[in-house]
Amino acid sequence: MKLLGLPKLALIKGESDLIDKWVSSWVSEMMHANWKTPANLIDHFPAVIITEDESYLFSILETGIAIKLQIAFAQGIAIITELTKKS
């Protein structure tokens, strides 16, 4: 899957070694994924949250930070649209 919006992840780079490792692994998984449907994604990431606008939220450990992603499954493209952080 082509992953766009990677520069947005720079906002959390260096917050902690655990976050950096998690994000690195997540990016690798996203780039090597070949999901054709939302069900394929949910099978791989059962904790993903689907929002009302059909985005996908991936929580980063127990940090309160999540990566919001839009996915065009047919085209094999995922776009990081924002990072959310609970205050």
C-alpha atoms as a PDB file:
ATOM      1  CA  MET A   1       0.000   0.000   0.000  1.00  0.00           C
ATOM      2  CA  LYS A   2       1.307   3.431  -0.861  1.00  0.00           C
ATOM      3  CA  LEU A   3       1.451   5.533   2.328  1.00  0.00           C
ATOM      4  CA  LEU A   4       1.180   9.302   1.927  1.00  0.00           C
ATOM      5  CA  GLY A   5       1.454  12.010   4.586  1.00  0.00           C
ATOM      6  CA  LEU A   6       4.512  10.621   6.360  1.00  0.00           C
ATOM      7  CA  PRO A   7       5.833  14.114   7.256  1.00  0.00           C
ATOM      8  CA  LYS A   8       2.919  14.460   9.703  1.00  0.00           C
ATOM      9  CA  LEU A   9       4.561  11.780  11.868  1.00  0.00           C
ATOM     10  CA  ALA A  10       7.494  14.145  12.513  1.00  0.00           C
ATOM     11  CA  LEU A  11       5.292  15.846  15.129  1.00  0.00           C
ATOM     12  CA  ILE A  12       5.697  12.859  17.460  1.00  0.00           C
ATOM     13  CA  LYS A  13       9.167  11.706  16.477  1.00  0.00           C
ATOM     14  CA  GLY A  14      11.443  11.653  19.492  1.00  0.00           C
ATOM     15  CA  GLU A  15       8.668  11.781  22.123  1.00  0.00           C
ATOM     16  CA  SER A  16       9.860   8.390  23.373  1.00  0.00           C
ATOM     17  CA  ASP A  17      11.756   5.353  22.137  1.00  0.00           C
ATOM     18  CA  LEU A  18       8.602   3.231  22.485  1.00  0.00           C
ATOM     19  CA  ILE A  19       6.568   5.608  20.324  1.00  0.00           C
ATOM     20  CA  ASP A  20       9.336   5.781  17.718  1.00  0.00           C
ATOM     21  CA  LYS A  21       9.552   1.962  17.545  1.00  0.00           C
ATOM     22  CA  TRP A  22       5.772   1.578  17.357  1.00  0.00           C
ATOM     23  CA  VAL A  23       5.477   4.175  14.573  1.00  0.00           C
ATOM     24  CA  SER A  24       8.352   2.623  12.638  1.00  0.00           C
ATOM     25  CA  SER A  25       6.724  -0.823  12.803  1.00  0.00           C
ATOM     26  CA  TRP A  26       3.307   0.592  11.922  1.00  0.00           C
ATOM     27  CA  VAL A  27       4.698   2.440   8.872  1.00  0.00           C
ATOM     28  CA  SER A  28       6.420  -0.729   7.695  1.00  0.00           C
ATOM     29  CA  GLU A  29       3.209  -2.744   8.055  1.00  0.00           C
ATOM     30  CA  MET A  30       1.196  -0.108   6.197  1.00  0.00           C
ATOM     31  CA  MET A  31       3.655   0.063   3.316  1.00  0.00           C
ATOM     32  CA  HIS A  32       3.716  -3.719   2.905  1.00  0.00           C
ATOM     33  CA  ALA A  33      -0.041  -4.213   3.315  1.00  0.00           C
ATOM     34  CA  ASN A  34      -2.198  -5.351   0.441  1.00  0.00           C
ATOM     35  CA  TRP A  35      -5.687  -4.928   1.873  1.00  0.00           C
ATOM     36  CA  LYS A  36      -8.557  -5.007  -0.571  1.00  0.00           C
ATOM     37  CA  THR A  37     -11.393  -4.293   1.885  1.00  0.00           C
ATOM     38  CA  PRO A  38     -11.919  -2.711   5.317  1.00  0.00           C
ATOM     39  CA  ALA A  39     -12.445  -6.238   6.672  1.00  0.00           C
ATOM     40  CA  ASN A  40      -8.873  -7.143   5.684  1.00  0.00           C
ATOM     41  CA  LEU A  41      -7.587  -4.165   7.670  1.00  0.00           C
ATOM     42  CA  ILE A  42      -9.750  -4.974  10.697  1.00  0.00           C
ATOM     43  CA  ASP A  43      -8.542  -8.591  10.647  1.00  0.00           C
ATOM     44  CA  HIS A  44      -4.974  -7.311  10.948  1.00  0.00           C
ATOM     45  CA  PHE A  45      -5.705  -4.421  13.348  1.00  0.00           C
ATOM     46  CA  PRO A  46      -8.771  -5.403  15.417  1.00  0.00           C
ATOM     47  CA  ALA A  47      -8.390  -2.358  17.705  1.00  0.00           C
ATOM     48  CA  VAL A  48      -8.649   0.150  14.833  1.00  0.00           C
ATOM     49  CA  ILE A  49     -11.504   2.622  15.220  1.00  0.00           C
ATOM     50  CA  ILE A  50     -13.597   3.535  12.189  1.00  0.00           C
ATOM     51  CA  THR A  51     -14.849   7.123  12.355  1.00  0.00           C
ATOM     52  CA  GLU A  52     -18.032   8.632  10.951  1.00  0.00           C
ATOM     53  CA  ASP A  53     -16.141   9.986   7.949  1.00  0.00           C
ATOM     54  CA  GLU A  54     -14.821   6.473   7.239  1.00  0.00           C
ATOM     55  CA  SER A  55     -11.320   7.279   8.422  1.00  0.00           C
ATOM     56  CA  TYR A  56      -9.356   4.822  10.530  1.00  0.00           C
ATOM     57  CA  LEU A  57      -7.804   5.707  13.891  1.00  0.00           C
ATOM     58  CA  PHE A  58      -4.756   3.771  15.057  1.00  0.00           C
ATOM     59  CA  SER A  59      -3.981   4.373  18.731  1.00  0.00           C
ATOM     60  CA  ILE A  60      -0.289   4.552  19.566  1.00  0.00           C
ATOM     61  CA  LEU A  61       0.178   2.407  22.648  1.00  0.00           C
ATOM     62  CA  GLU A  62      -1.403   4.047  25.720  1.00  0.00           C
ATOM     63  CA  THR A  63      -0.251   7.557  24.826  1.00  0.00           C
ATOM     64  CA  GLY A  64      -3.575   9.126  23.876  1.00  0.00           C
ATOM     65  CA  ILE A  65      -2.103   9.786  20.422  1.00  0.00           C
ATOM     66  CA  ALA A  66      -3.734   8.305  17.332  1.00  0.00           C
ATOM     67  CA  ILE A  67      -2.944   8.339  13.641  1.00  0.00           C
ATOM     68  CA  LYS A  68      -5.931   9.147  11.438  1.00  0.00           C
ATOM     69  CA  LEU A  69      -5.845   7.470   8.070  1.00  0.00           C
ATOM     70  CA  GLN A  70      -7.987   7.604   4.915  1.00  0.00           C
ATOM     71  CA  ILE A  71      -7.692   4.543   2.704  1.00  0.00           C
ATOM     72  CA  ALA A  72      -8.578   4.021  -0.951  1.00  0.00           C
ATOM     73  CA  PHE A  73      -8.528   0.224  -0.925  1.00  0.00           C
ATOM     74  CA  ALA A  74      -9.097  -0.241  -4.677  1.00  0.00           C
ATOM     75  CA  GLN A  75      -6.151   2.030  -5.482  1.00  0.00           C
ATOM     76  CA  GLY A  76      -3.897   0.714  -2.707  1.00  0.00           C
ATOM     77  CA  ILE A  77      -3.352   4.178  -1.224  1.00  0.00           C
ATOM     78  CA  ALA A  78      -3.451   5.258   2.425  1.00  0.00           C
ATOM     79  CA  ILE A  79      -3.141   8.888   3.509  1.00  0.00           C
ATOM     80  CA  ILE A  80      -2.219  10.062   6.997  1.00  0.00           C
ATOM     81  CA  THR A  81      -4.630  12.965   7.418  1.00  0.00           C
ATOM     82  CA  GLU A  82      -3.787  13.979  10.977  1.00  0.00           C
ATOM     83  CA  LEU A  83      -2.506  13.030  14.407  1.00  0.00           C
ATOM     84  CA  THR A  84      -4.992  13.313  17.223  1.00  0.00           C
ATOM     85  CA  LYS A  85      -4.053  13.719  20.848  1.00  0.00           C
ATOM     86  CA  LYS A  86      -6.294  13.469  23.866  1.00  0.00           C
ATOM     87  CA  SER A  87      -5.551  16.206  26.362  1.00  0.00           C
END
